Amino acid sequence: MRLLVLGYLRASSVDEAAARIDQLQQAAVAEVLVLVDVFVGRSRAAFFSMLDRLSLQQTEGVMVLAVQQRTWDAEFQQLFRKLLDETGTRLYVAAEVERSS
């Protein structure tokens, strides 16, 4: 049985969000995970919406893109890890996946 995960990313435009969601989906498939939903935002509101969803659904973890995780400020990284630890949620960090033709 494949594990269910939520995605989280930040994007400044619809085009960027679409590209990042595609990257998350490809990474989930490569890791034999099912990406059930992606939370997109420019602020922490999407993060807190994702936490609410985690409490309602049986998901195994949260997937983020490595390239984005490296840009998070230290305070947000701490908050993200603390809240995921409190919920027992696993963090999957996805490297960039090569596009298949």
PDB file of N, CA and C in Angstrom:
ATOM      1  N   MET A   1       0.845  -1.187   0.000  1.00  0.00           N
ATOM      2  CA  MET A   1       0.000   0.000   0.000  1.00  0.00           C
ATOM      3  C   MET A   1       0.886   1.244   0.000  1.00  0.00           C
ATOM      4  N   ARG A   2       0.591   2.158  -0.899  1.00  0.00           N
ATOM      5  CA  ARG A   2       1.382   3.390  -0.985  1.00  0.00           C
ATOM      6  C   ARG A   2       0.947   4.368   0.095  1.00  0.00           C
ATOM      7  N   LEU A   3       1.920   5.088   0.628  1.00  0.00           N
ATOM      8  CA  LEU A   3       1.664   6.056   1.695  1.00  0.00           C
ATOM      9  C   LEU A   3       1.091   7.349   1.125  1.00  0.00           C
ATOM     10  N   LEU A   4       0.188   7.956   1.873  1.00  0.00           N
ATOM     11  CA  LEU A   4      -0.424   9.223   1.480  1.00  0.00           C
ATOM     12  C   LEU A   4       0.352  10.377   2.095  1.00  0.00           C
ATOM     13  N   VAL A   5       0.625  11.404   1.285  1.00  0.00           N
ATOM     14  CA  VAL A   5       1.329  12.587   1.777  1.00  0.00           C
ATOM     15  C   VAL A   5       0.628  13.843   1.275  1.00  0.00           C
ATOM     16  N   LEU A   6       0.833  14.920   2.017  1.00  0.00           N
ATOM     17  CA  LEU A   6       0.403  16.249   1.596  1.00  0.00           C
ATOM     18  C   LEU A   6       1.637  16.986   1.096  1.00  0.00           C
ATOM     19  N   GLY A   7       1.446  17.922   0.192  1.00  0.00           N
ATOM     20  CA  GLY A   7       2.546  18.743  -0.286  1.00  0.00           C
ATOM     21  C   GLY A   7       2.426  20.154   0.251  1.00  0.00           C
ATOM     22  N   TYR A   8       3.569  20.800   0.405  1.00  0.00           N
ATOM     23  CA  TYR A   8       3.588  22.198   0.833  1.00  0.00           C
ATOM     24  C   TYR A   8       4.621  22.941  -0.002  1.00  0.00           C
ATOM     25  N   LEU A   9       4.236  24.088  -0.530  1.00  0.00           N
ATOM     26  CA  LEU A   9       5.194  24.914  -1.272  1.00  0.00           C
ATOM     27  C   LEU A   9       4.778  26.360  -1.233  1.00  0.00           C
ATOM     28  N   ARG A  10       5.738  27.200  -1.557  1.00  0.00           N
ATOM     29  CA  ARG A  10       5.479  28.629  -1.689  1.00  0.00           C
ATOM     30  C   ARG A  10       5.675  29.007  -3.156  1.00  0.00           C
ATOM     31  N   ALA A  11       4.813  29.884  -3.645  1.00  0.00           N
ATOM     32  CA  ALA A  11       4.914  30.324  -5.037  1.00  0.00           C
ATOM     33  C   ALA A  11       4.414  31.754  -5.143  1.00  0.00           C
ATOM     34  N   SER A  12       5.004  32.487  -6.074  1.00  0.00           N
ATOM     35  CA  SER A  12       4.618  33.891  -6.244  1.00  0.00           C
ATOM     36  C   SER A  12       3.696  34.097  -7.439  1.00  0.00           C
ATOM     37  N   SER A  13       3.443  33.030  -8.219  1.00  0.00           N
ATOM     38  CA  SER A  13       2.541  33.147  -9.364  1.00  0.00           C
ATOM     39  C   SER A  13       1.868  31.794  -9.616  1.00  0.00           C
ATOM     40  N   VAL A  14       0.809  31.832 -10.394  1.00  0.00           N
ATOM     41  CA  VAL A  14       0.109  30.600 -10.740  1.00  0.00           C
ATOM     42  C   VAL A  14       1.019  29.684 -11.551  1.00  0.00           C
ATOM     43  N   ASP A  15       1.781  30.250 -12.472  1.00  0.00           N
ATOM     44  CA  ASP A  15       2.683  29.436 -13.295  1.00  0.00           C
ATOM     45  C   ASP A  15       3.752  28.755 -12.446  1.00  0.00           C
ATOM     46  N   GLU A  16       4.313  29.500 -11.507  1.00  0.00           N
ATOM     47  CA  GLU A  16       5.323  28.913 -10.622  1.00  0.00           C
ATOM     48  C   GLU A  16       4.702  27.804  -9.776  1.00  0.00           C
ATOM     49  N   ALA A  17       3.505  28.048  -9.258  1.00  0.00           N
ATOM     50  CA  ALA A  17       2.827  27.032  -8.444  1.00  0.00           C
ATOM     51  C   ALA A  17       2.580  25.763  -9.255  1.00  0.00           C
ATOM     52  N   ALA A  18       2.113  25.925 -10.491  1.00  0.00           N
ATOM     53  CA  ALA A  18       1.844  24.759 -11.350  1.00  0.00           C
ATOM     54  C   ALA A  18       3.118  23.953 -11.597  1.00  0.00           C
ATOM     55  N   ALA A  19       4.219  24.652 -11.864  1.00  0.00           N
ATOM     56  CA  ALA A  19       5.485  23.960 -12.096  1.00  0.00           C
ATOM     57  C   ALA A  19       5.970  23.233 -10.846  1.00  0.00           C
ATOM     58  N   ARG A  20       5.839  23.879  -9.702  1.00  0.00           N
ATOM     59  CA  ARG A  20       6.270  23.265  -8.433  1.00  0.00           C
ATOM     60  C   ARG A  20       5.388  22.077  -8.059  1.00  0.00           C
ATOM     61  N   ILE A  21       4.086  22.193  -8.301  1.00  0.00           N
ATOM     62  CA  ILE A  21       3.181  21.073  -8.022  1.00  0.00           C
ATOM     63  C   ILE A  21       3.555  19.881  -8.904  1.00  0.00           C
ATOM     64  N   ASP A  22       3.867  20.145 -10.170  1.00  0.00           N
ATOM     65  CA  ASP A  22       4.301  19.083 -11.078  1.00  0.00           C
ATOM     66  C   ASP A  22       5.570  18.408 -10.543  1.00  0.00           C
ATOM     67  N   GLN A  23       6.510  19.203 -10.033  1.00  0.00           N
ATOM     68  CA  GLN A  23       7.738  18.640  -9.456  1.00  0.00           C
ATOM     69  C   GLN A  23       7.432  17.763  -8.245  1.00  0.00           C
ATOM     70  N   LEU A  24       6.529  18.226  -7.379  1.00  0.00           N
ATOM     71  CA  LEU A  24       6.141  17.425  -6.213  1.00  0.00           C
ATOM     72  C   LEU A  24       5.490  16.113  -6.644  1.00  0.00           C
ATOM     73  N   GLN A  25       4.602  16.192  -7.642  1.00  0.00           N
ATOM     74  CA  GLN A  25       3.916  14.981  -8.116  1.00  0.00           C
ATOM     75  C   GLN A  25       4.923  13.971  -8.673  1.00  0.00           C
ATOM     76  N   GLN A  26       5.861  14.436  -9.460  1.00  0.00           N
ATOM     77  CA  GLN A  26       6.882  13.543 -10.014  1.00  0.00           C
ATOM     78  C   GLN A  26       7.725  12.913  -8.906  1.00  0.00           C
ATOM     79  N   ALA A  27       8.073  13.707  -7.914  1.00  0.00           N
ATOM     80  CA  ALA A  27       8.863  13.194  -6.793  1.00  0.00           C
ATOM     81  C   ALA A  27       8.069  12.161  -5.999  1.00  0.00           C
ATOM     82  N   ALA A  28       6.787  12.407  -5.793  1.00  0.00           N
ATOM     83  CA  ALA A  28       5.944  11.454  -5.060  1.00  0.00           C
ATOM     84  C   ALA A  28       5.885  10.122  -5.796  1.00  0.00           C
ATOM     85  N   VAL A  29       5.685  10.169  -7.108  1.00  0.00           N
ATOM     86  CA  VAL A  29       5.646   8.941  -7.909  1.00  0.00           C
ATOM     87  C   VAL A  29       6.980   8.205  -7.812  1.00  0.00           C
ATOM     88  N   ALA A  30       8.074   8.948  -7.900  1.00  0.00           N
ATOM     89  CA  ALA A  30       9.407   8.334  -7.819  1.00  0.00           C
ATOM     90  C   ALA A  30       9.641   7.658  -6.468  1.00  0.00           C
ATOM     91  N   GLU A  31       9.034   8.196  -5.408  1.00  0.00           N
ATOM     92  CA  GLU A  31       9.201   7.641  -4.060  1.00  0.00           C
ATOM     93  C   GLU A  31       8.080   6.665  -3.688  1.00  0.00           C
ATOM     94  N   VAL A  32       7.207   6.356  -4.652  1.00  0.00           N
ATOM     95  CA  VAL A  32       6.064   5.461  -4.454  1.00  0.00           C
ATOM     96  C   VAL A  32       5.141   5.983  -3.338  1.00  0.00           C
ATOM     97  N   LEU A  33       4.867   7.287  -3.399  1.00  0.00           N
ATOM     98  CA  LEU A  33       3.950   7.949  -2.478  1.00  0.00           C
ATOM     99  C   LEU A  33       2.758   8.477  -3.273  1.00  0.00           C
ATOM    100  N   VAL A  34       1.657   8.721  -2.596  1.00  0.00           N
ATOM    101  CA  VAL A  34       0.488   9.324  -3.232  1.00  0.00           C
ATOM    102  C   VAL A  34       0.334  10.735  -2.684  1.00  0.00           C
ATOM    103  N   LEU A  35       0.457  11.710  -3.554  1.00  0.00           N
ATOM    104  CA  LEU A  35       0.298  13.119  -3.177  1.00  0.00           C
ATOM    105  C   LEU A  35      -1.194  13.443  -3.246  1.00  0.00           C
ATOM    106  N   VAL A  36      -1.841  13.576  -2.092  1.00  0.00           N
ATOM    107  CA  VAL A  36      -3.293  13.754  -2.070  1.00  0.00           C
ATOM    108  C   VAL A  36      -3.740  15.205  -2.150  1.00  0.00           C
ATOM    109  N   ASP A  37      -2.873  16.130  -1.763  1.00  0.00           N
ATOM    110  CA  ASP A  37      -3.224  17.544  -1.822  1.00  0.00           C
ATOM    111  C   ASP A  37      -1.944  18.357  -1.673  1.00  0.00           C
ATOM    112  N   VAL A  38      -1.953  19.564  -2.235  1.00  0.00           N
ATOM    113  CA  VAL A  38      -0.807  20.459  -2.120  1.00  0.00           C
ATOM    114  C   VAL A  38      -1.298  21.797  -1.600  1.00  0.00           C
ATOM    115  N   PHE A  39      -0.609  22.304  -0.598  1.00  0.00           N
ATOM    116  CA  PHE A  39      -0.929  23.603  -0.020  1.00  0.00           C
ATOM    117  C   PHE A  39       0.087  24.610  -0.531  1.00  0.00           C
ATOM    118  N   VAL A  40      -0.413  25.654  -1.170  1.00  0.00           N
ATOM    119  CA  VAL A  40       0.429  26.656  -1.815  1.00  0.00           C
ATOM    120  C   VAL A  40       0.168  28.006  -1.163  1.00  0.00           C
ATOM    121  N   GLY A  41       1.236  28.720  -0.867  1.00  0.00           N
ATOM    122  CA  GLY A  41       1.034  30.045  -0.307  1.00  0.00           C
ATOM    123  C   GLY A  41       2.273  30.894  -0.353  1.00  0.00           C
ATOM    124  N   ARG A  42       2.069  32.162  -0.130  1.00  0.00           N
ATOM    125  CA  ARG A  42       3.183  33.104  -0.015  1.00  0.00           C
ATOM    126  C   ARG A  42       3.388  33.491   1.436  1.00  0.00           C
ATOM    127  N   SER A  43       2.509  33.020   2.289  1.00  0.00           N
ATOM    128  CA  SER A  43       2.613  33.335   3.712  1.00  0.00           C
ATOM    129  C   SER A  43       2.464  32.030   4.493  1.00  0.00           C
ATOM    130  N   ARG A  44       2.414  32.147   5.785  1.00  0.00           N
ATOM    131  CA  ARG A  44       2.296  30.956   6.628  1.00  0.00           C
ATOM    132  C   ARG A  44       0.871  30.418   6.698  1.00  0.00           C
ATOM    133  N   ALA A  45      -0.086  31.128   6.113  1.00  0.00           N
ATOM    134  CA  ALA A  45      -1.482  30.685   6.160  1.00  0.00           C
ATOM    135  C   ALA A  45      -1.657  29.307   5.533  1.00  0.00           C
ATOM    136  N   ALA A  46      -0.986  29.052   4.411  1.00  0.00           N
ATOM    137  CA  ALA A  46      -1.081  27.736   3.766  1.00  0.00           C
ATOM    138  C   ALA A  46      -0.523  26.656   4.677  1.00  0.00           C
ATOM    139  N   PHE A  47       0.519  26.979   5.401  1.00  0.00           N
ATOM    140  CA  PHE A  47       1.125  26.024   6.334  1.00  0.00           C
ATOM    141  C   PHE A  47       0.127  25.647   7.428  1.00  0.00           C
ATOM    142  N   PHE A  48      -0.545  26.618   8.006  1.00  0.00           N
ATOM    143  CA  PHE A  48      -1.499  26.327   9.068  1.00  0.00           C
ATOM    144  C   PHE A  48      -2.734  25.599   8.523  1.00  0.00           C
ATOM    145  N   SER A  49      -3.139  25.890   7.290  1.00  0.00           N
ATOM    146  CA  SER A  49      -4.229  25.143   6.659  1.00  0.00           C
ATOM    147  C   SER A  49      -3.828  23.677   6.486  1.00  0.00           C
ATOM    148  N   MET A  50      -2.571  23.458   6.099  1.00  0.00           N
ATOM    149  CA  MET A  50      -2.073  22.101   5.942  1.00  0.00           C
ATOM    150  C   MET A  50      -2.098  21.359   7.283  1.00  0.00           C
ATOM    151  N   LEU A  51      -1.708  22.039   8.354  1.00  0.00           N
ATOM    152  CA  LEU A  51      -1.733  21.406   9.682  1.00  0.00           C
ATOM    153  C   LEU A  51      -3.157  21.014  10.072  1.00  0.00           C
ATOM    154  N   ASP A  52      -4.114  21.870   9.759  1.00  0.00           N
ATOM    155  CA  ASP A  52      -5.515  21.529  10.029  1.00  0.00           C
ATOM    156  C   ASP A  52      -5.910  20.265   9.267  1.00  0.00           C
ATOM    157  N   ARG A  53      -5.504  20.190   8.023  1.00  0.00           N
ATOM    158  CA  ARG A  53      -5.818  19.017   7.189  1.00  0.00           C
ATOM    159  C   ARG A  53      -5.150  17.763   7.733  1.00  0.00           C
ATOM    160  N   LEU A  54      -3.934  17.886   8.238  1.00  0.00           N
ATOM    161  CA  LEU A  54      -3.235  16.733   8.812  1.00  0.00           C
ATOM    162  C   LEU A  54      -4.026  16.127   9.959  1.00  0.00           C
ATOM    163  N   SER A  55      -4.683  16.965  10.734  1.00  0.00           N
ATOM    164  CA  SER A  55      -5.434  16.470  11.888  1.00  0.00           C
ATOM    165  C   SER A  55      -6.717  15.755  11.456  1.00  0.00           C
ATOM    166  N   LEU A  56      -7.189  16.002  10.230  1.00  0.00           N
ATOM    167  CA  LEU A  56      -8.440  15.412   9.754  1.00  0.00           C
ATOM    168  C   LEU A  56      -8.245  14.179   8.881  1.00  0.00           C
ATOM    169  N   GLN A  57      -7.073  14.001   8.316  1.00  0.00           N
ATOM    170  CA  GLN A  57      -6.862  12.939   7.336  1.00  0.00           C
ATOM    171  C   GLN A  57      -5.704  12.049   7.752  1.00  0.00           C
ATOM    172  N   GLN A  58      -5.799  10.790   7.404  1.00  0.00           N
ATOM    173  CA  GLN A  58      -4.744   9.826   7.716  1.00  0.00           C
ATOM    174  C   GLN A  58      -3.639   9.907   6.662  1.00  0.00           C
ATOM    175  N   THR A  59      -2.766  10.857   6.814  1.00  0.00           N
ATOM    176  CA  THR A  59      -1.626  10.983   5.911  1.00  0.00           C
ATOM    177  C   THR A  59      -0.357  10.643   6.676  1.00  0.00           C
ATOM    178  N   GLU A  60       0.606  10.134   5.946  1.00  0.00           N
ATOM    179  CA  GLU A  60       1.854   9.695   6.547  1.00  0.00           C
ATOM    180  C   GLU A  60       2.850  10.841   6.715  1.00  0.00           C
ATOM    181  N   GLY A  61       2.753  11.850   5.845  1.00  0.00           N
ATOM    182  CA  GLY A  61       3.742  12.904   5.927  1.00  0.00           C
ATOM    183  C   GLY A  61       3.438  14.093   5.039  1.00  0.00           C
ATOM    184  N   VAL A  62       4.438  14.963   5.003  1.00  0.00           N
ATOM    185  CA  VAL A  62       4.382  16.177   4.187  1.00  0.00           C
ATOM    186  C   VAL A  62       5.609  16.177   3.294  1.00  0.00           C
ATOM    187  N   MET A  63       5.393  16.452   2.010  1.00  0.00           N
ATOM    188  CA  MET A  63       6.495  16.517   1.056  1.00  0.00           C
ATOM    189  C   MET A  63       6.751  17.970   0.670  1.00  0.00           C
ATOM    190  N   VAL A  64       8.017  18.358   0.694  1.00  0.00           N
ATOM    191  CA  VAL A  64       8.435  19.690   0.262  1.00  0.00           C
ATOM    192  C   VAL A  64       9.576  19.535  -0.728  1.00  0.00           C
ATOM    193  N   LEU A  65       9.803  20.551  -1.525  1.00  0.00           N
ATOM    194  CA  LEU A  65      10.920  20.541  -2.464  1.00  0.00           C
ATOM    195  C   LEU A  65      12.185  21.027  -1.764  1.00  0.00           C
ATOM    196  N   ALA A  66      13.271  20.315  -1.956  1.00  0.00           N
ATOM    197  CA  ALA A  66      14.540  20.675  -1.316  1.00  0.00           C
ATOM    198  C   ALA A  66      14.949  22.100  -1.668  1.00  0.00           C
ATOM    199  N   VAL A  67      14.754  22.481  -2.920  1.00  0.00           N
ATOM    200  CA  VAL A  67      15.164  23.811  -3.368  1.00  0.00           C
ATOM    201  C   VAL A  67      14.409  24.896  -2.597  1.00  0.00           C
ATOM    202  N   GLN A  68      13.164  24.624  -2.230  1.00  0.00           N
ATOM    203  CA  GLN A  68      12.405  25.608  -1.462  1.00  0.00           C
ATOM    204  C   GLN A  68      12.755  25.549   0.015  1.00  0.00           C
ATOM    205  N   GLN A  69      12.959  24.364   0.547  1.00  0.00           N
ATOM    206  CA  GLN A  69      13.271  24.242   1.966  1.00  0.00           C
ATOM    207  C   GLN A  69      14.537  25.020   2.321  1.00  0.00           C
ATOM    208  N   ARG A  70      15.489  25.038   1.421  1.00  0.00           N
ATOM    209  CA  ARG A  70      16.747  25.757   1.676  1.00  0.00           C
ATOM    210  C   ARG A  70      16.549  27.265   1.772  1.00  0.00           C
ATOM    211  N   THR A  71      15.434  27.783   1.259  1.00  0.00           N
ATOM    212  CA  THR A  71      15.205  29.234   1.281  1.00  0.00           C
ATOM    213  C   THR A  71      14.381  29.684   2.486  1.00  0.00           C
ATOM    214  N   TRP A  72      13.877  28.747   3.283  1.00  0.00           N
ATOM    215  CA  TRP A  72      13.087  29.117   4.452  1.00  0.00           C
ATOM    216  C   TRP A  72      13.978  29.764   5.498  1.00  0.00           C
ATOM    217  N   ASP A  73      13.462  30.780   6.149  1.00  0.00           N
ATOM    218  CA  ASP A  73      14.233  31.389   7.230  1.00  0.00           C
ATOM    219  C   ASP A  73      14.276  30.423   8.422  1.00  0.00           C
ATOM    220  N   ALA A  74      15.239  30.630   9.297  1.00  0.00           N
ATOM    221  CA  ALA A  74      15.478  29.711  10.423  1.00  0.00           C
ATOM    222  C   ALA A  74      14.255  29.592  11.325  1.00  0.00           C
ATOM    223  N   GLU A  75      13.560  30.690  11.552  1.00  0.00           N
ATOM    224  CA  GLU A  75      12.378  30.665  12.417  1.00  0.00           C
ATOM    225  C   GLU A  75      11.290  29.759  11.824  1.00  0.00           C
ATOM    226  N   PHE A  76      11.067  29.877  10.503  1.00  0.00           N
ATOM    227  CA  PHE A  76      10.040  29.051   9.867  1.00  0.00           C
ATOM    228  C   PHE A  76      10.450  27.582   9.862  1.00  0.00           C
ATOM    229  N   GLN A  77      11.726  27.293   9.620  1.00  0.00           N
ATOM    230  CA  GLN A  77      12.196  25.907   9.656  1.00  0.00           C
ATOM    231  C   GLN A  77      11.946  25.283  11.021  1.00  0.00           C
ATOM    232  N   GLN A  78      12.238  26.042  12.068  1.00  0.00           N
ATOM    233  CA  GLN A  78      12.011  25.553  13.434  1.00  0.00           C
ATOM    234  C   GLN A  78      10.528  25.300  13.683  1.00  0.00           C
ATOM    235  N   LEU A  79       9.685  26.233  13.299  1.00  0.00           N
ATOM    236  CA  LEU A  79       8.249  26.099  13.471  1.00  0.00           C
ATOM    237  C   LEU A  79       7.733  24.874  12.708  1.00  0.00           C
ATOM    238  N   PHE A  80       8.175  24.725  11.469  1.00  0.00           N
ATOM    239  CA  PHE A  80       7.739  23.614  10.624  1.00  0.00           C
ATOM    240  C   PHE A  80       8.091  22.282  11.290  1.00  0.00           C
ATOM    241  N   ARG A  81       9.336  22.130  11.685  1.00  0.00           N
ATOM    242  CA  ARG A  81       9.764  20.867  12.306  1.00  0.00           C
ATOM    243  C   ARG A  81       9.063  20.617  13.647  1.00  0.00           C
ATOM    244  N   LYS A  82       8.904  21.646  14.447  1.00  0.00           N
ATOM    245  CA  LYS A  82       8.255  21.499  15.757  1.00  0.00           C
ATOM    246  C   LYS A  82       6.820  21.014  15.602  1.00  0.00           C
ATOM    247  N   LEU A  83       6.065  21.654  14.721  1.00  0.00           N
ATOM    248  CA  LEU A  83       4.673  21.282  14.548  1.00  0.00           C
ATOM    249  C   LEU A  83       4.521  19.912  13.898  1.00  0.00           C
ATOM    250  N   LEU A  84       5.415  19.560  12.986  1.00  0.00           N
ATOM    251  CA  LEU A  84       5.360  18.219  12.401  1.00  0.00           C
ATOM    252  C   LEU A  84       5.708  17.165  13.455  1.00  0.00           C
ATOM    253  N   ASP A  85       6.695  17.462  14.305  1.00  0.00           N
ATOM    254  CA  ASP A  85       7.040  16.543  15.398  1.00  0.00           C
ATOM    255  C   ASP A  85       5.855  16.345  16.338  1.00  0.00           C
ATOM    256  N   GLU A  86       5.170  17.422  16.659  1.00  0.00           N
ATOM    257  CA  GLU A  86       4.026  17.346  17.578  1.00  0.00           C
ATOM    258  C   GLU A  86       2.884  16.514  17.007  1.00  0.00           C
ATOM    259  N   THR A  87       2.746  16.502  15.686  1.00  0.00           N
ATOM    260  CA  THR A  87       1.673  15.728  15.061  1.00  0.00           C
ATOM    261  C   THR A  87       2.137  14.334  14.658  1.00  0.00           C
ATOM    262  N   GLY A  88       3.433  14.049  14.824  1.00  0.00           N
ATOM    263  CA  GLY A  88       3.961  12.741  14.438  1.00  0.00           C
ATOM    264  C   GLY A  88       4.035  12.551  12.938  1.00  0.00           C
ATOM    265  N   THR A  89       4.121  13.643  12.214  1.00  0.00           N
ATOM    266  CA  THR A  89       4.132  13.610  10.756  1.00  0.00           C
ATOM    267  C   THR A  89       5.564  13.577  10.238  1.00  0.00           C
ATOM    268  N   ARG A  90       5.799  12.751   9.236  1.00  0.00           N
ATOM    269  CA  ARG A  90       7.131  12.629   8.642  1.00  0.00           C
ATOM    270  C   ARG A  90       7.316  13.678   7.546  1.00  0.00           C
ATOM    271  N   LEU A  91       8.520  14.236   7.466  1.00  0.00           N
ATOM    272  CA  LEU A  91       8.851  15.219   6.428  1.00  0.00           C
ATOM    273  C   LEU A  91       9.632  14.522   5.319  1.00  0.00           C
ATOM    274  N   TYR A  92       9.117  14.609   4.102  1.00  0.00           N
ATOM    275  CA  TYR A  92       9.797  14.086   2.913  1.00  0.00           C
ATOM    276  C   TYR A  92      10.327  15.287   2.140  1.00  0.00           C
ATOM    277  N   VAL A  93      11.626  15.323   1.926  1.00  0.00           N
ATOM    278  CA  VAL A  93      12.248  16.415   1.178  1.00  0.00           C
ATOM    279  C   VAL A  93      12.615  15.875  -0.193  1.00  0.00           C
ATOM    280  N   ALA A  94      12.006  16.437  -1.219  1.00  0.00           N
ATOM    281  CA  ALA A  94      12.171  15.943  -2.585  1.00  0.00           C
ATOM    282  C   ALA A  94      13.225  16.731  -3.339  1.00  0.00           C
ATOM    283  N   ALA A  95      14.204  16.009  -3.842  1.00  0.00           N
ATOM    284  CA  ALA A  95      15.192  16.624  -4.730  1.00  0.00           C
ATOM    285  C   ALA A  95      14.516  16.846  -6.081  1.00  0.00           C
ATOM    286  N   GLU A  96      15.131  17.641  -6.937  1.00  0.00           N
ATOM    287  CA  GLU A  96      14.565  17.878  -8.265  1.00  0.00           C
ATOM    288  C   GLU A  96      14.560  16.571  -9.045  1.00  0.00           C
ATOM    289  N   VAL A  97      13.436  16.299  -9.698  1.00  0.00           N
ATOM    290  CA  VAL A  97      13.267  15.073 -10.450  1.00  0.00           C
ATOM    291  C   VAL A  97      13.410  15.398 -11.929  1.00  0.00           C
ATOM    292  N   GLU A  98      14.171  14.554 -12.651  1.00  0.00           N
ATOM    293  CA  GLU A  98      14.319  14.723 -14.090  1.00  0.00           C
ATOM    294  C   GLU A  98      12.977  14.480 -14.759  1.00  0.00           C
ATOM    295  N   ARG A  99      12.630  15.319 -15.713  1.00  0.00           N
ATOM    296  CA  ARG A  99      11.392  15.140 -16.480  1.00  0.00           C
ATOM    297  C   ARG A  99      11.561  14.002 -17.454  1.00  0.00           C
ATOM    298  N   SER A 100      10.555  13.112 -17.512  1.00  0.00           N
ATOM    299  CA  SER A 100      10.600  12.038 -18.497  1.00  0.00           C
ATOM    300  C   SER A 100       9.896  12.506 -19.771  1.00  0.00           C
ATOM    301  N   SER A 101      10.370  12.028 -20.906  1.00  0.00           N
ATOM    302  CA  SER A 101       9.769  12.445 -22.169  1.00  0.00           C
ATOM    303  C   SER A 101       8.603  11.588 -22.553  1.00  0.00           C
TER     304      SER A 101
END
